[in-house]
Amino acid sequence: MDELIQRIEDLIQRIKDKLDSLLGVVNDFLGWIPWGLGWLADKVRDAWDYLVGKFNDFWDRLTYITTNMGDRDQLSTSANAWSSQVAGPVSAKKDAVDASAVLRADDTWEGDAADAYAGRAKLHQTALEKVVTTYVTTISTALDTVRGGLTKFYMGLITALGALVVGIISALASSATIFGIPAGIFIAAGAALVAIGAFYTGGELLKSDCTSAKNTLTQKMNDNNGFPDGAWPSGAVL
């Protein structure tokens, strides 16, 4: 498993554990309400309902993210495959149709036919070169850009979830006293809101990276320079 995704999953589990601890504190208090503190119990219930609402939103957004995490390793594998399985073989073909090489069958072919063949060979060589220098390079770069965007997004998630863990720990510390329980609950709710905001920011940054990669790829794919009439050059002139 991707080490960054593993760190994210570990933090999610820590959040669940700390929330369970906070719930335990609240339940202990509500299970034993000192005489005359019914008003405080009401505040605790209201605060907890507020917390539940914020964390429902938090879990919904986090679930959407964790079920659409992407695959950095596969992006790297695909980028490398374009380089090794396409760029390499195509480069070899480009060298094979080098006019200076293909016309050396007996070093005596001259005239109009030889000149015409050399011209067509050059067109094929240019097209093959463009496959490598434009298409393969652009596709590999686009895949690497998306991978980099995912890395930044994962790191942002780790930072946001880590901050939420710290927030809930602070809420637990505040809840060490009876009168501090409502404040502790609101501290945890506030931390959840900050995490949700971080999700949005990280998502927008990732979207920007993916859009940039897509636009560059589209632009390069629409560049037909090297392909007469937008098609692969023919092998003969009719």
Protein backbone atom coordinates (compact mmCIF):
# COMPACT_ATOMS: atom_id res chain seq x y z
CA MET A 1 0.00 0.00 0.00
CA ASP A 2 1.08 3.59 -0.69
CA GLU A 3 2.86 4.77 2.47
CA LEU A 4 1.04 8.12 2.43
CA ILE A 5 -2.35 6.43 2.17
CA GLN A 6 -1.35 4.18 5.08
CA ARG A 7 -0.56 7.27 7.15
CA ILE A 8 -3.94 8.72 6.25
CA GLU A 9 -5.72 5.54 7.32
CA ASP A 10 -3.78 5.49 10.60
CA LEU A 11 -4.82 9.07 11.33
CA ILE A 12 -8.45 8.28 10.55
CA GLN A 13 -8.35 5.45 13.08
CA ARG A 14 -6.81 7.78 15.68
CA ILE A 15 -9.61 10.28 15.10
CA LYS A 16 -12.19 7.55 15.67
CA ASP A 17 -10.42 6.43 18.85
CA LYS A 18 -10.21 9.96 20.25
CA LEU A 19 -13.86 10.63 19.43
CA ASP A 20 -14.82 7.45 21.26
CA SER A 21 -12.86 8.71 24.26
CA LEU A 22 -14.66 12.06 24.13
CA LEU A 23 -18.01 10.29 23.85
CA GLY A 24 -17.08 8.23 26.89
CA VAL A 25 -16.44 11.41 28.89
CA VAL A 26 -19.79 12.85 27.84
CA ASN A 27 -21.67 9.64 28.62
CA ASP A 28 -20.02 9.38 32.02
CA PHE A 29 -21.17 12.88 32.85
CA LEU A 30 -24.70 12.36 31.55
CA GLY A 31 -24.90 9.08 33.41
CA TRP A 32 -24.11 10.85 36.65
CA ILE A 33 -25.50 14.36 36.82
CA PRO A 34 -24.93 16.09 40.16
CA TRP A 35 -27.96 17.63 41.78
CA GLY A 36 -28.58 21.12 40.48
CA LEU A 37 -26.58 20.74 37.27
CA GLY A 38 -29.43 19.80 34.94
CA TRP A 39 -28.88 23.03 33.03
CA LEU A 40 -25.29 21.98 32.34
CA ALA A 41 -26.46 18.59 31.12
CA ASP A 42 -28.72 20.38 28.62
CA LYS A 43 -25.78 22.42 27.37
CA VAL A 44 -23.70 19.28 27.00
CA ARG A 45 -26.45 17.56 24.99
CA ASP A 46 -26.87 20.60 22.73
CA ALA A 47 -23.12 20.83 22.22
CA TRP A 48 -22.89 17.13 21.43
CA ASP A 49 -25.71 17.36 18.89
CA TYR A 50 -23.80 20.21 17.24
CA LEU A 51 -20.62 18.13 17.22
CA VAL A 52 -22.43 15.16 15.68
CA GLY A 53 -23.75 17.37 12.89
CA LYS A 54 -20.29 18.71 12.04
CA PHE A 55 -18.70 15.29 12.14
CA ASN A 56 -21.44 13.82 9.95
CA ASP A 57 -20.42 16.38 7.34
CA PHE A 58 -16.76 15.61 7.99
CA TRP A 59 -17.20 11.84 7.56
CA ASP A 60 -19.29 12.28 4.41
CA ARG A 61 -16.57 14.37 2.78
CA LEU A 62 -13.79 12.13 3.99
CA THR A 63 -15.57 9.01 2.74
CA TYR A 64 -15.90 10.57 -0.71
CA ILE A 65 -12.18 11.33 -0.69
CA THR A 66 -11.03 7.94 0.57
CA THR A 67 -13.12 6.09 -2.01
CA ASN A 68 -11.54 8.17 -4.82
CA MET A 69 -7.92 8.34 -3.74
CA GLY A 70 -6.24 7.68 -7.06
CA ASP A 71 -3.14 5.52 -7.49
CA ARG A 72 0.27 7.20 -7.51
CA ASP A 73 2.08 3.94 -8.25
CA GLN A 74 -0.08 3.23 -11.29
CA LEU A 75 0.49 6.73 -12.61
CA SER A 76 4.25 6.19 -12.33
CA THR A 77 3.97 2.77 -13.97
CA SER A 78 1.97 4.21 -16.87
CA ALA A 79 4.40 7.11 -17.37
CA ASN A 80 7.34 4.71 -17.40
CA ALA A 81 5.52 2.38 -19.79
CA TRP A 82 5.04 5.18 -22.31
CA SER A 83 8.76 5.86 -22.18
CA SER A 84 9.96 2.25 -22.30
CA GLN A 85 7.30 0.57 -24.42
CA VAL A 86 6.52 3.36 -26.86
CA ALA A 87 9.34 5.90 -26.95
CA GLY A 88 12.10 3.28 -27.21
CA PRO A 89 10.61 1.17 -30.03
CA VAL A 90 9.45 4.24 -31.97
CA SER A 91 12.91 5.81 -31.73
CA ALA A 92 14.34 2.62 -33.20
CA LYS A 93 11.87 2.79 -36.08
CA LYS A 94 12.78 6.42 -36.67
CA ASP A 95 16.42 5.47 -37.09
CA ALA A 96 15.43 2.61 -39.37
CA VAL A 97 13.78 4.95 -41.88
CA ASP A 98 16.66 7.43 -41.91
CA ALA A 99 16.99 8.27 -45.60
CA SER A 100 20.76 8.21 -45.39
CA ALA A 101 20.55 4.61 -44.21
CA VAL A 102 17.69 3.13 -46.21
CA LEU A 103 19.17 4.27 -49.52
CA ARG A 104 22.39 2.34 -48.97
CA ALA A 105 21.10 -0.95 -50.41
CA ASP A 106 23.79 -0.89 -53.10
CA ASP A 107 24.76 2.80 -52.96
CA THR A 108 23.79 3.18 -56.63
CA TRP A 109 20.10 4.19 -56.44
CA GLU A 110 19.84 7.64 -57.96
CA GLY A 111 17.41 9.73 -59.89
CA ASP A 112 13.83 10.91 -59.45
CA ALA A 113 12.66 7.67 -57.81
CA ALA A 114 15.45 7.76 -55.26
CA ASP A 115 14.78 11.44 -54.50
CA ALA A 116 11.03 10.80 -54.11
CA TYR A 117 11.64 7.84 -51.81
CA ALA A 118 14.06 9.86 -49.70
CA GLY A 119 11.43 12.59 -49.33
CA ARG A 120 8.78 10.13 -48.18
CA ALA A 121 11.24 8.49 -45.79
CA LYS A 122 11.99 11.88 -44.28
CA LEU A 123 8.27 12.50 -43.70
CA HIS A 124 7.99 9.17 -41.87
CA GLN A 125 11.07 9.93 -39.84
CA THR A 126 9.64 13.31 -38.82
CA ALA A 127 6.31 11.75 -37.85
CA LEU A 128 7.99 9.06 -35.76
CA GLU A 129 10.18 11.66 -34.08
CA LYS A 130 7.09 13.70 -33.23
CA VAL A 131 5.47 10.67 -31.59
CA VAL A 132 8.41 10.55 -29.20
CA THR A 133 9.22 14.22 -28.63
CA THR A 134 5.66 15.52 -28.49
CA TYR A 135 3.13 12.82 -27.69
CA VAL A 136 5.05 10.38 -25.49
CA THR A 137 6.85 13.16 -23.62
CA THR A 138 3.62 15.10 -23.10
CA ILE A 139 1.68 12.07 -21.90
CA SER A 140 4.44 11.05 -19.48
CA THR A 141 4.69 14.60 -18.18
CA ALA A 142 0.93 14.84 -17.73
CA LEU A 143 0.88 11.61 -15.74
CA ASP A 144 3.76 12.86 -13.59
CA THR A 145 1.93 16.15 -13.00
CA VAL A 146 -1.16 14.34 -11.76
CA ARG A 147 1.00 12.13 -9.56
CA GLY A 148 2.64 15.21 -8.07
CA GLY A 149 -0.79 16.72 -7.48
CA LEU A 150 -1.88 13.58 -5.65
CA THR A 151 1.22 13.69 -3.48
CA LYS A 152 0.47 17.27 -2.45
CA PHE A 153 -3.16 16.33 -1.82
CA TYR A 154 -2.19 13.38 0.37
CA MET A 155 0.23 15.52 2.36
CA GLY A 156 -2.51 18.10 2.83
CA LEU A 157 -4.85 15.39 4.11
CA ILE A 158 -2.22 14.17 6.54
CA THR A 159 -1.74 17.70 7.86
CA ALA A 160 -5.49 18.30 8.20
CA LEU A 161 -6.21 14.97 9.88
CA GLY A 162 -3.22 15.37 12.18
CA ALA A 163 -4.48 18.80 13.23
CA LEU A 164 -7.91 17.29 13.90
CA VAL A 165 -6.36 14.65 16.16
CA VAL A 166 -4.64 17.45 18.10
CA GLY A 167 -7.95 19.33 18.27
CA ILE A 168 -9.79 16.37 19.75
CA ILE A 169 -6.97 15.80 22.25
CA SER A 170 -7.36 19.46 23.29
CA ALA A 171 -11.10 18.87 23.62
CA LEU A 172 -10.44 15.92 25.90
CA ALA A 173 -8.10 18.03 28.02
CA SER A 174 -10.74 20.75 28.32
CA SER A 175 -13.32 18.13 29.30
CA ALA A 176 -11.28 17.05 32.31
CA THR A 177 -13.63 19.17 34.44
CA ILE A 178 -17.41 19.04 34.45
CA PHE A 179 -17.81 22.67 33.46
CA GLY A 180 -15.23 22.30 30.69
CA ILE A 181 -17.10 19.55 28.84
CA PRO A 182 -19.26 21.85 26.66
CA ALA A 183 -16.21 23.91 25.71
CA GLY A 184 -14.28 20.73 24.89
CA ILE A 185 -17.05 19.54 22.61
CA PHE A 186 -17.07 22.85 20.73
CA ILE A 187 -13.28 22.69 20.39
CA ALA A 188 -13.64 19.31 18.66
CA ALA A 189 -16.42 20.63 16.42
CA GLY A 190 -14.28 23.61 15.44
CA ALA A 191 -11.40 21.31 14.58
CA ALA A 192 -13.71 19.32 12.31
CA LEU A 193 -14.75 22.51 10.51
CA VAL A 194 -11.09 23.44 9.94
CA ALA A 195 -10.43 19.96 8.50
CA ILE A 196 -13.40 20.28 6.14
CA GLY A 197 -12.01 23.60 4.91
CA ALA A 198 -8.64 21.95 4.33
CA PHE A 199 -10.34 19.22 2.29
CA TYR A 200 -11.85 21.85 0.01
CA THR A 201 -8.57 23.73 -0.42
CA GLY A 202 -6.64 20.53 -1.16
CA GLY A 203 -9.27 19.40 -3.62
CA GLU A 204 -9.12 22.68 -5.52
CA LEU A 205 -5.32 22.47 -5.76
CA LEU A 206 -5.51 18.90 -7.06
CA LYS A 207 -8.19 19.92 -9.55
CA SER A 208 -5.92 22.72 -10.78
CA ASP A 209 -3.02 20.32 -11.33
CA CYS A 210 -5.24 17.86 -13.21
CA THR A 211 -6.75 20.63 -15.35
CA SER A 212 -3.29 21.94 -16.21
CA ALA A 213 -2.16 18.46 -17.25
CA LYS A 214 -5.32 17.96 -19.32
CA ASN A 215 -5.03 21.30 -21.10
CA THR A 216 -1.39 20.73 -21.99
CA LEU A 217 -2.18 17.23 -23.23
CA THR A 218 -5.11 18.47 -25.34
CA GLN A 219 -3.00 21.23 -26.86
CA LYS A 220 -0.23 18.83 -27.84
CA MET A 221 -2.63 16.21 -29.19
CA ASN A 222 -4.15 18.86 -31.46
CA ASP A 223 -0.75 19.77 -32.87
CA ASN A 224 -0.66 18.07 -36.28
CA ASN A 225 2.71 19.46 -37.32
CA GLY A 226 4.57 16.53 -38.81
CA PHE A 227 1.40 14.79 -40.01
CA PRO A 228 0.36 16.01 -43.49
CA ASP A 229 -3.38 16.73 -43.57
CA GLY A 230 -3.59 15.54 -39.97
CA ALA A 231 -2.80 11.95 -40.91
CA TRP A 232 0.17 9.63 -41.00
CA PRO A 233 2.26 10.36 -44.13
CA SER A 234 1.64 7.93 -46.96
CA GLY A 235 4.40 5.67 -48.19
CA ALA A 236 4.07 6.68 -51.83
CA VAL A 237 2.83 9.58 -53.93
CA LEU A 238 0.06 8.64 -56.34
